[in-house]
Amino acid sequence: MRGVVCIVAVALALTAGVAAQKKGGDPKLQALKNPVPATAASINTGRAVYGKQCRHCHGLRGLGDGPLAPKNPSPANLTDAKWDHGGSDGEIFTLILNGAPAPKSEMKGMKGTLTEKDIWNVVNFVRTIGPKPGAAAAGTGTAKPAR
């Protein structure tokens, strides 16, 4: 019984660490590589998923001006070079998966709503509307995905 409690505690600690994504980026998440090639099919799939799941807050063009966007805090502008939680594919994926940390965001995680492949497709789509990887220094607070 004691071993089960220990395993559960370790699993909860790891989950909490990933869920509480660091402001300014996370080197471990930066190392997470996108397994889905940014093909036209992936980008189109990502655009469709974004249209159903993200545009209500982030807006049709990713400006953070969607019809259901909260005012304070407002959703991230996905087209600029300011990524508060790191701008690598792995950081963006993890932010979409787990959501953004409160109280600076109302973004809920998509774990259980979207498949991992759908999230990677959204990452590929976001790359078409925002800065390319490395356009701003990832992990310095000067690059940004959804807040």
N, C-alpha and C. Protein backbone atom coordinates (compact mmCIF):
# COMPACT_ATOMS: atom_id res chain seq x y z
N MET A 1 0.83 -1.20 0.00
CA MET A 1 0.00 0.00 0.00
C MET A 1 0.87 1.26 0.00
N ARG A 2 1.94 1.20 0.79
CA ARG A 2 2.83 2.35 0.89
C ARG A 2 3.48 2.67 -0.45
N GLY A 3 3.82 1.62 -1.23
CA GLY A 3 4.41 1.80 -2.55
C GLY A 3 3.46 2.47 -3.52
N VAL A 4 2.18 2.12 -3.43
CA VAL A 4 1.16 2.73 -4.30
C VAL A 4 1.04 4.22 -3.99
N VAL A 5 1.04 4.56 -2.71
CA VAL A 5 0.94 5.96 -2.30
C VAL A 5 2.14 6.74 -2.82
N CYS A 6 3.31 6.14 -2.74
CA CYS A 6 4.53 6.79 -3.22
C CYS A 6 4.47 7.01 -4.74
N ILE A 7 4.01 6.02 -5.49
CA ILE A 7 3.90 6.14 -6.94
C ILE A 7 2.89 7.23 -7.30
N VAL A 8 1.78 7.27 -6.62
CA VAL A 8 0.76 8.30 -6.87
C VAL A 8 1.32 9.68 -6.56
N ALA A 9 2.07 9.82 -5.48
CA ALA A 9 2.65 11.11 -5.12
C ALA A 9 3.64 11.58 -6.18
N VAL A 10 4.48 10.67 -6.69
CA VAL A 10 5.44 11.03 -7.73
C VAL A 10 4.71 11.43 -9.00
N ALA A 11 3.69 10.68 -9.38
CA ALA A 11 2.91 11.01 -10.59
C ALA A 11 2.26 12.38 -10.45
N LEU A 12 1.71 12.68 -9.29
CA LEU A 12 1.08 13.99 -9.08
C LEU A 12 2.11 15.11 -9.15
N ALA A 13 3.29 14.88 -8.60
CA ALA A 13 4.33 15.91 -8.64
C ALA A 13 4.77 16.18 -10.08
N LEU A 14 4.94 15.12 -10.88
CA LEU A 14 5.33 15.31 -12.28
C LEU A 14 4.24 16.03 -13.05
N THR A 15 2.99 15.67 -12.83
CA THR A 15 1.87 16.33 -13.51
C THR A 15 1.81 17.80 -13.13
N ALA A 16 1.98 18.10 -11.86
CA ALA A 16 1.93 19.50 -11.41
C ALA A 16 3.07 20.30 -12.03
N GLY A 17 4.25 19.68 -12.15
CA GLY A 17 5.38 20.39 -12.73
C GLY A 17 5.15 20.75 -14.18
N VAL A 18 4.54 19.86 -14.95
CA VAL A 18 4.26 20.14 -16.35
C VAL A 18 3.12 21.14 -16.46
N ALA A 19 2.10 21.00 -15.62
CA ALA A 19 0.94 21.88 -15.69
C ALA A 19 1.31 23.32 -15.35
N ALA A 20 2.25 23.50 -14.44
CA ALA A 20 2.64 24.84 -14.02
C ALA A 20 3.80 25.33 -14.88
N GLN A 21 3.53 25.51 -16.16
CA GLN A 21 4.57 25.90 -17.10
C GLN A 21 5.17 27.23 -16.68
N LYS A 22 6.49 27.29 -16.72
CA LYS A 22 7.21 28.46 -16.26
C LYS A 22 7.05 29.64 -17.19
N LYS A 23 6.90 30.82 -16.61
CA LYS A 23 6.92 32.03 -17.41
C LYS A 23 8.35 32.21 -17.91
N GLY A 24 8.49 32.53 -19.17
CA GLY A 24 9.81 32.71 -19.75
C GLY A 24 10.36 31.46 -20.41
N GLY A 25 9.62 30.38 -20.36
CA GLY A 25 10.05 29.17 -21.06
C GLY A 25 10.60 28.12 -20.12
N ASP A 26 10.79 26.94 -20.67
CA ASP A 26 11.25 25.80 -19.90
C ASP A 26 12.18 24.96 -20.78
N PRO A 27 13.45 24.83 -20.41
CA PRO A 27 14.40 24.08 -21.24
C PRO A 27 13.96 22.64 -21.52
N LYS A 28 13.32 21.98 -20.56
CA LYS A 28 12.87 20.61 -20.80
C LYS A 28 11.80 20.57 -21.89
N LEU A 29 10.91 21.54 -21.87
CA LEU A 29 9.85 21.59 -22.89
C LEU A 29 10.41 22.05 -24.23
N GLN A 30 11.44 22.89 -24.21
CA GLN A 30 12.07 23.31 -25.46
C GLN A 30 12.65 22.12 -26.20
N ALA A 31 13.06 21.10 -25.46
CA ALA A 31 13.66 19.92 -26.07
C ALA A 31 12.62 18.99 -26.69
N LEU A 32 11.34 19.19 -26.37
CA LEU A 32 10.27 18.34 -26.91
C LEU A 32 10.07 18.69 -28.38
N LYS A 33 10.33 17.73 -29.25
CA LYS A 33 10.26 17.97 -30.70
C LYS A 33 8.89 17.61 -31.26
N ASN A 34 8.46 18.37 -32.24
CA ASN A 34 7.18 18.15 -32.91
C ASN A 34 7.31 16.92 -33.82
N PRO A 35 6.54 15.86 -33.54
CA PRO A 35 6.63 14.66 -34.37
C PRO A 35 5.79 14.72 -35.64
N VAL A 36 5.00 15.80 -35.79
CA VAL A 36 4.10 15.93 -36.94
C VAL A 36 4.71 16.93 -37.93
N PRO A 37 5.10 16.47 -39.11
CA PRO A 37 5.67 17.39 -40.11
C PRO A 37 4.67 18.49 -40.47
N ALA A 38 5.18 19.68 -40.70
CA ALA A 38 4.34 20.83 -41.04
C ALA A 38 3.97 20.81 -42.52
N THR A 39 3.21 19.80 -42.90
CA THR A 39 2.74 19.66 -44.28
C THR A 39 1.47 20.50 -44.47
N ALA A 40 1.07 20.66 -45.70
CA ALA A 40 -0.17 21.38 -45.98
C ALA A 40 -1.36 20.70 -45.29
N ALA A 41 -1.37 19.37 -45.29
CA ALA A 41 -2.46 18.63 -44.63
C ALA A 41 -2.49 18.89 -43.13
N SER A 42 -1.32 18.88 -42.50
CA SER A 42 -1.25 19.15 -41.06
C SER A 42 -1.71 20.58 -40.74
N ILE A 43 -1.23 21.52 -41.51
CA ILE A 43 -1.60 22.92 -41.28
C ILE A 43 -3.09 23.13 -41.50
N ASN A 44 -3.65 22.53 -42.53
CA ASN A 44 -5.10 22.64 -42.76
C ASN A 44 -5.90 22.00 -41.64
N THR A 45 -5.45 20.84 -41.15
CA THR A 45 -6.11 20.20 -40.02
C THR A 45 -5.99 21.09 -38.79
N GLY A 46 -4.81 21.64 -38.55
CA GLY A 46 -4.60 22.55 -37.42
C GLY A 46 -5.49 23.78 -37.51
N ARG A 47 -5.65 24.32 -38.72
CA ARG A 47 -6.52 25.49 -38.93
C ARG A 47 -7.97 25.14 -38.57
N ALA A 48 -8.42 23.95 -38.98
CA ALA A 48 -9.79 23.53 -38.66
C ALA A 48 -9.99 23.34 -37.16
N VAL A 49 -9.03 22.70 -36.51
CA VAL A 49 -9.13 22.50 -35.06
C VAL A 49 -9.10 23.85 -34.35
N TYR A 50 -8.19 24.73 -34.76
CA TYR A 50 -8.10 26.08 -34.20
C TYR A 50 -9.45 26.79 -34.36
N GLY A 51 -10.06 26.66 -35.53
CA GLY A 51 -11.34 27.31 -35.78
C GLY A 51 -12.45 26.84 -34.86
N LYS A 52 -12.39 25.58 -34.45
CA LYS A 52 -13.41 25.03 -33.56
C LYS A 52 -13.09 25.25 -32.08
N GLN A 53 -11.80 25.23 -31.72
CA GLN A 53 -11.44 25.22 -30.30
C GLN A 53 -10.76 26.50 -29.79
N CYS A 54 -10.17 27.29 -30.65
CA CYS A 54 -9.31 28.38 -30.20
C CYS A 54 -9.77 29.78 -30.62
N ARG A 55 -10.39 29.87 -31.79
CA ARG A 55 -10.69 31.19 -32.35
C ARG A 55 -11.68 32.00 -31.52
N HIS A 56 -12.47 31.34 -30.70
CA HIS A 56 -13.46 32.06 -29.89
C HIS A 56 -12.78 33.05 -28.95
N CYS A 57 -11.58 32.71 -28.50
CA CYS A 57 -10.83 33.62 -27.64
C CYS A 57 -9.67 34.29 -28.39
N HIS A 58 -8.91 33.50 -29.15
CA HIS A 58 -7.73 34.05 -29.82
C HIS A 58 -8.06 34.80 -31.10
N GLY A 59 -9.27 34.65 -31.59
CA GLY A 59 -9.68 35.36 -32.79
C GLY A 59 -9.34 34.61 -34.06
N LEU A 60 -10.04 34.95 -35.12
CA LEU A 60 -9.86 34.29 -36.41
C LEU A 60 -8.43 34.39 -36.92
N ARG A 61 -7.81 35.54 -36.70
CA ARG A 61 -6.43 35.77 -37.18
C ARG A 61 -5.39 35.61 -36.07
N GLY A 62 -5.81 35.16 -34.87
CA GLY A 62 -4.86 34.92 -33.78
C GLY A 62 -4.44 36.16 -33.03
N LEU A 63 -5.23 37.23 -33.12
CA LEU A 63 -4.86 38.50 -32.49
C LEU A 63 -5.29 38.62 -31.03
N GLY A 64 -5.97 37.60 -30.50
CA GLY A 64 -6.46 37.66 -29.12
C GLY A 64 -7.74 38.45 -28.99
N ASP A 65 -8.47 38.58 -30.11
CA ASP A 65 -9.66 39.44 -30.14
C ASP A 65 -10.93 38.67 -30.50
N GLY A 66 -11.00 37.41 -30.10
CA GLY A 66 -12.17 36.60 -30.42
C GLY A 66 -13.42 37.09 -29.70
N PRO A 67 -14.60 36.67 -30.17
CA PRO A 67 -15.86 37.15 -29.60
C PRO A 67 -16.06 36.75 -28.13
N LEU A 68 -15.42 35.71 -27.66
CA LEU A 68 -15.55 35.28 -26.26
C LEU A 68 -14.30 35.59 -25.44
N ALA A 69 -13.42 36.41 -25.99
CA ALA A 69 -12.16 36.72 -25.32
C ALA A 69 -12.40 37.51 -24.04
N PRO A 70 -11.85 37.03 -22.92
CA PRO A 70 -11.96 37.83 -21.69
C PRO A 70 -11.12 39.11 -21.84
N LYS A 71 -11.49 40.12 -21.10
CA LYS A 71 -10.78 41.41 -21.20
C LYS A 71 -9.56 41.47 -20.29
N ASN A 72 -9.65 40.85 -19.12
CA ASN A 72 -8.55 40.93 -18.16
C ASN A 72 -8.41 39.61 -17.43
N PRO A 73 -7.49 38.80 -17.79
CA PRO A 73 -6.47 39.02 -18.80
C PRO A 73 -6.98 38.67 -20.19
N SER A 74 -6.49 39.36 -21.17
CA SER A 74 -6.90 39.08 -22.54
C SER A 74 -6.07 37.91 -23.09
N PRO A 75 -6.62 37.18 -24.05
CA PRO A 75 -5.86 36.07 -24.65
C PRO A 75 -4.63 36.57 -25.39
N ALA A 76 -3.71 35.68 -25.57
CA ALA A 76 -2.47 36.02 -26.26
C ALA A 76 -2.72 36.36 -27.72
N ASN A 77 -1.93 37.31 -28.21
CA ASN A 77 -1.85 37.60 -29.63
C ASN A 77 -0.82 36.62 -30.18
N LEU A 78 -1.28 35.67 -30.98
CA LEU A 78 -0.40 34.61 -31.47
C LEU A 78 0.44 35.03 -32.67
N THR A 79 0.27 36.27 -33.12
CA THR A 79 0.98 36.72 -34.32
C THR A 79 2.23 37.52 -33.99
N ASP A 80 2.41 37.93 -32.75
CA ASP A 80 3.58 38.74 -32.41
C ASP A 80 4.72 37.86 -31.93
N ALA A 81 5.81 38.46 -31.56
CA ALA A 81 7.00 37.72 -31.17
C ALA A 81 7.17 37.65 -29.65
N LYS A 82 6.12 37.91 -28.90
CA LYS A 82 6.19 37.87 -27.43
C LYS A 82 5.49 36.62 -26.93
N TRP A 83 6.27 35.62 -26.56
CA TRP A 83 5.73 34.35 -26.06
C TRP A 83 6.07 34.24 -24.58
N ASP A 84 5.09 34.47 -23.73
CA ASP A 84 5.32 34.53 -22.29
C ASP A 84 5.80 33.21 -21.68
N HIS A 85 5.44 32.10 -22.28
CA HIS A 85 5.77 30.80 -21.70
C HIS A 85 6.70 30.00 -22.60
N GLY A 86 7.45 30.68 -23.45
CA GLY A 86 8.38 30.02 -24.37
C GLY A 86 7.75 29.80 -25.73
N GLY A 87 8.55 29.92 -26.77
CA GLY A 87 8.02 29.86 -28.12
C GLY A 87 8.40 28.62 -28.92
N SER A 88 8.98 27.61 -28.27
CA SER A 88 9.32 26.40 -29.01
C SER A 88 8.06 25.58 -29.25
N ASP A 89 8.12 24.67 -30.21
CA ASP A 89 6.98 23.81 -30.48
C ASP A 89 6.57 23.03 -29.23
N GLY A 90 7.55 22.51 -28.49
CA GLY A 90 7.25 21.74 -27.28
C GLY A 90 6.56 22.57 -26.21
N GLU A 91 6.98 23.82 -26.07
CA GLU A 91 6.35 24.71 -25.08
C GLU A 91 4.93 25.08 -25.49
N ILE A 92 4.74 25.34 -26.77
CA ILE A 92 3.39 25.66 -27.26
C ILE A 92 2.48 24.45 -27.10
N PHE A 93 2.97 23.26 -27.48
CA PHE A 93 2.20 22.03 -27.33
C PHE A 93 1.76 21.84 -25.88
N THR A 94 2.70 21.98 -24.96
CA THR A 94 2.41 21.75 -23.54
C THR A 94 1.43 22.78 -23.01
N LEU A 95 1.54 24.01 -23.46
CA LEU A 95 0.61 25.05 -23.03
C LEU A 95 -0.80 24.75 -23.52
N ILE A 96 -0.94 24.31 -24.77
CA ILE A 96 -2.26 23.94 -25.30
C ILE A 96 -2.79 22.73 -24.53
N LEU A 97 -1.94 21.76 -24.28
CA LEU A 97 -2.34 20.54 -23.58
C LEU A 97 -2.82 20.82 -22.16
N ASN A 98 -2.05 21.60 -21.41
CA ASN A 98 -2.32 21.81 -19.98
C ASN A 98 -2.99 23.13 -19.64
N GLY A 99 -3.01 24.07 -20.57
CA GLY A 99 -3.57 25.40 -20.27
C GLY A 99 -2.49 26.32 -19.73
N ALA A 100 -2.85 27.56 -19.59
CA ALA A 100 -1.91 28.57 -19.08
C ALA A 100 -2.14 28.78 -17.59
N PRO A 101 -1.08 29.06 -16.86
CA PRO A 101 -1.22 29.23 -15.42
C PRO A 101 -2.05 30.45 -15.03
N ALA A 102 -2.97 30.24 -14.09
CA ALA A 102 -3.75 31.34 -13.52
C ALA A 102 -2.83 32.08 -12.54
N PRO A 103 -3.09 33.27 -12.19
CA PRO A 103 -4.26 34.09 -12.50
C PRO A 103 -4.08 34.96 -13.73
N LYS A 104 -2.94 34.84 -14.42
CA LYS A 104 -2.68 35.69 -15.58
C LYS A 104 -3.35 35.19 -16.84
N SER A 105 -4.13 34.11 -16.75
CA SER A 105 -4.78 33.56 -17.93
C SER A 105 -6.01 32.76 -17.53
N GLU A 106 -6.96 32.70 -18.44
CA GLU A 106 -8.12 31.85 -18.27
C GLU A 106 -8.07 30.66 -19.22
N MET A 107 -6.95 30.48 -19.92
CA MET A 107 -6.85 29.41 -20.90
C MET A 107 -6.84 28.06 -20.22
N LYS A 108 -7.82 27.25 -20.58
CA LYS A 108 -7.94 25.89 -20.06
C LYS A 108 -7.19 24.94 -20.97
N GLY A 109 -6.68 23.88 -20.41
CA GLY A 109 -5.97 22.87 -21.18
C GLY A 109 -6.92 22.06 -22.05
N MET A 110 -6.40 21.53 -23.13
CA MET A 110 -7.19 20.75 -24.07
C MET A 110 -6.98 19.25 -23.91
N LYS A 111 -6.28 18.85 -22.83
CA LYS A 111 -6.10 17.43 -22.55
C LYS A 111 -7.48 16.80 -22.38
N GLY A 112 -7.72 15.72 -23.09
CA GLY A 112 -9.02 15.06 -23.01
C GLY A 112 -10.01 15.59 -24.03
N THR A 113 -9.74 16.74 -24.61
CA THR A 113 -10.61 17.33 -25.64
C THR A 113 -10.00 17.09 -27.02
N LEU A 114 -8.70 17.32 -27.13
CA LEU A 114 -7.99 17.14 -28.40
C LEU A 114 -6.98 16.00 -28.27
N THR A 115 -6.73 15.34 -29.37
CA THR A 115 -5.68 14.33 -29.39
C THR A 115 -4.33 15.05 -29.44
N GLU A 116 -3.28 14.33 -29.09
CA GLU A 116 -1.94 14.92 -29.18
C GLU A 116 -1.63 15.33 -30.61
N LYS A 117 -2.02 14.51 -31.58
CA LYS A 117 -1.76 14.84 -32.98
C LYS A 117 -2.50 16.13 -33.38
N ASP A 118 -3.75 16.28 -32.92
CA ASP A 118 -4.47 17.52 -33.22
C ASP A 118 -3.76 18.73 -32.62
N ILE A 119 -3.23 18.59 -31.42
CA ILE A 119 -2.50 19.71 -30.81
C ILE A 119 -1.26 20.04 -31.62
N TRP A 120 -0.52 19.01 -32.04
CA TRP A 120 0.66 19.27 -32.88
C TRP A 120 0.25 19.94 -34.20
N ASN A 121 -0.88 19.55 -34.76
CA ASN A 121 -1.37 20.20 -35.97
C ASN A 121 -1.68 21.67 -35.70
N VAL A 122 -2.25 21.98 -34.54
CA VAL A 122 -2.51 23.38 -34.18
C VAL A 122 -1.19 24.13 -34.05
N VAL A 123 -0.19 23.50 -33.45
CA VAL A 123 1.14 24.14 -33.35
C VAL A 123 1.64 24.48 -34.76
N ASN A 124 1.51 23.54 -35.68
CA ASN A 124 1.95 23.80 -37.06
C ASN A 124 1.16 24.94 -37.68
N PHE A 125 -0.15 25.00 -37.43
CA PHE A 125 -0.95 26.11 -37.95
C PHE A 125 -0.52 27.44 -37.33
N VAL A 126 -0.34 27.47 -36.01
CA VAL A 126 0.05 28.71 -35.33
C VAL A 126 1.36 29.24 -35.91
N ARG A 127 2.24 28.36 -36.29
CA ARG A 127 3.50 28.79 -36.92
C ARG A 127 3.25 29.56 -38.21
N THR A 128 2.13 29.32 -38.89
CA THR A 128 1.86 30.03 -40.14
C THR A 128 1.32 31.44 -39.91
N ILE A 129 0.81 31.71 -38.72
CA ILE A 129 0.24 33.04 -38.44
C ILE A 129 1.13 33.86 -37.52
N GLY A 130 2.11 33.22 -36.90
CA GLY A 130 2.99 33.92 -35.97
C GLY A 130 4.42 33.86 -36.42
N PRO A 131 5.31 34.29 -35.54
CA PRO A 131 6.73 34.26 -35.89
C PRO A 131 7.23 32.84 -35.99
N LYS A 132 8.23 32.63 -36.81
CA LYS A 132 8.84 31.32 -36.98
C LYS A 132 9.71 31.02 -35.76
N PRO A 133 9.96 29.74 -35.48
CA PRO A 133 10.83 29.40 -34.34
C PRO A 133 12.16 30.13 -34.45
N GLY A 134 12.61 30.68 -33.33
CA GLY A 134 13.88 31.39 -33.31
C GLY A 134 13.77 32.84 -33.72
N ALA A 135 12.57 33.30 -34.12
CA ALA A 135 12.41 34.71 -34.50
C ALA A 135 12.64 35.61 -33.30
N ALA A 136 12.29 35.11 -32.12
CA ALA A 136 12.59 35.80 -30.87
C ALA A 136 13.25 34.78 -29.97
N ALA A 137 13.99 35.24 -29.03
CA ALA A 137 14.70 34.31 -28.15
C ALA A 137 13.71 33.55 -27.29
N ALA A 138 13.54 32.28 -27.58
CA ALA A 138 12.62 31.45 -26.81
C ALA A 138 13.11 31.33 -25.38
N GLY A 139 12.16 31.36 -24.46
CA GLY A 139 12.50 31.18 -23.06
C GLY A 139 12.97 32.44 -22.40
N THR A 140 12.97 33.58 -23.07
CA THR A 140 13.41 34.81 -22.44
C THR A 140 12.24 35.73 -22.13
N GLY A 141 11.05 35.28 -22.43
CA GLY A 141 9.91 36.15 -22.24
C GLY A 141 9.69 37.04 -23.44
N THR A 142 10.52 36.91 -24.46
CA THR A 142 10.36 37.73 -25.64
C THR A 142 9.70 36.95 -26.77
N ALA A 143 9.39 35.73 -26.53
CA ALA A 143 8.67 34.93 -27.49
C ALA A 143 7.43 34.39 -26.79
N LYS A 144 6.32 34.07 -27.45
CA LYS A 144 5.11 33.74 -26.70
C LYS A 144 4.05 32.85 -27.33
N PRO A 145 3.52 31.84 -26.70
CA PRO A 145 2.25 31.28 -27.09
C PRO A 145 1.16 31.73 -26.15
N ALA A 146 0.02 31.14 -26.33
CA ALA A 146 -1.15 31.51 -25.55
C ALA A 146 -0.83 31.69 -24.09
N ARG A 147 -1.32 32.76 -23.53
CA ARG A 147 -1.08 33.05 -22.11
C ARG A 147 -2.12 32.41 -21.27
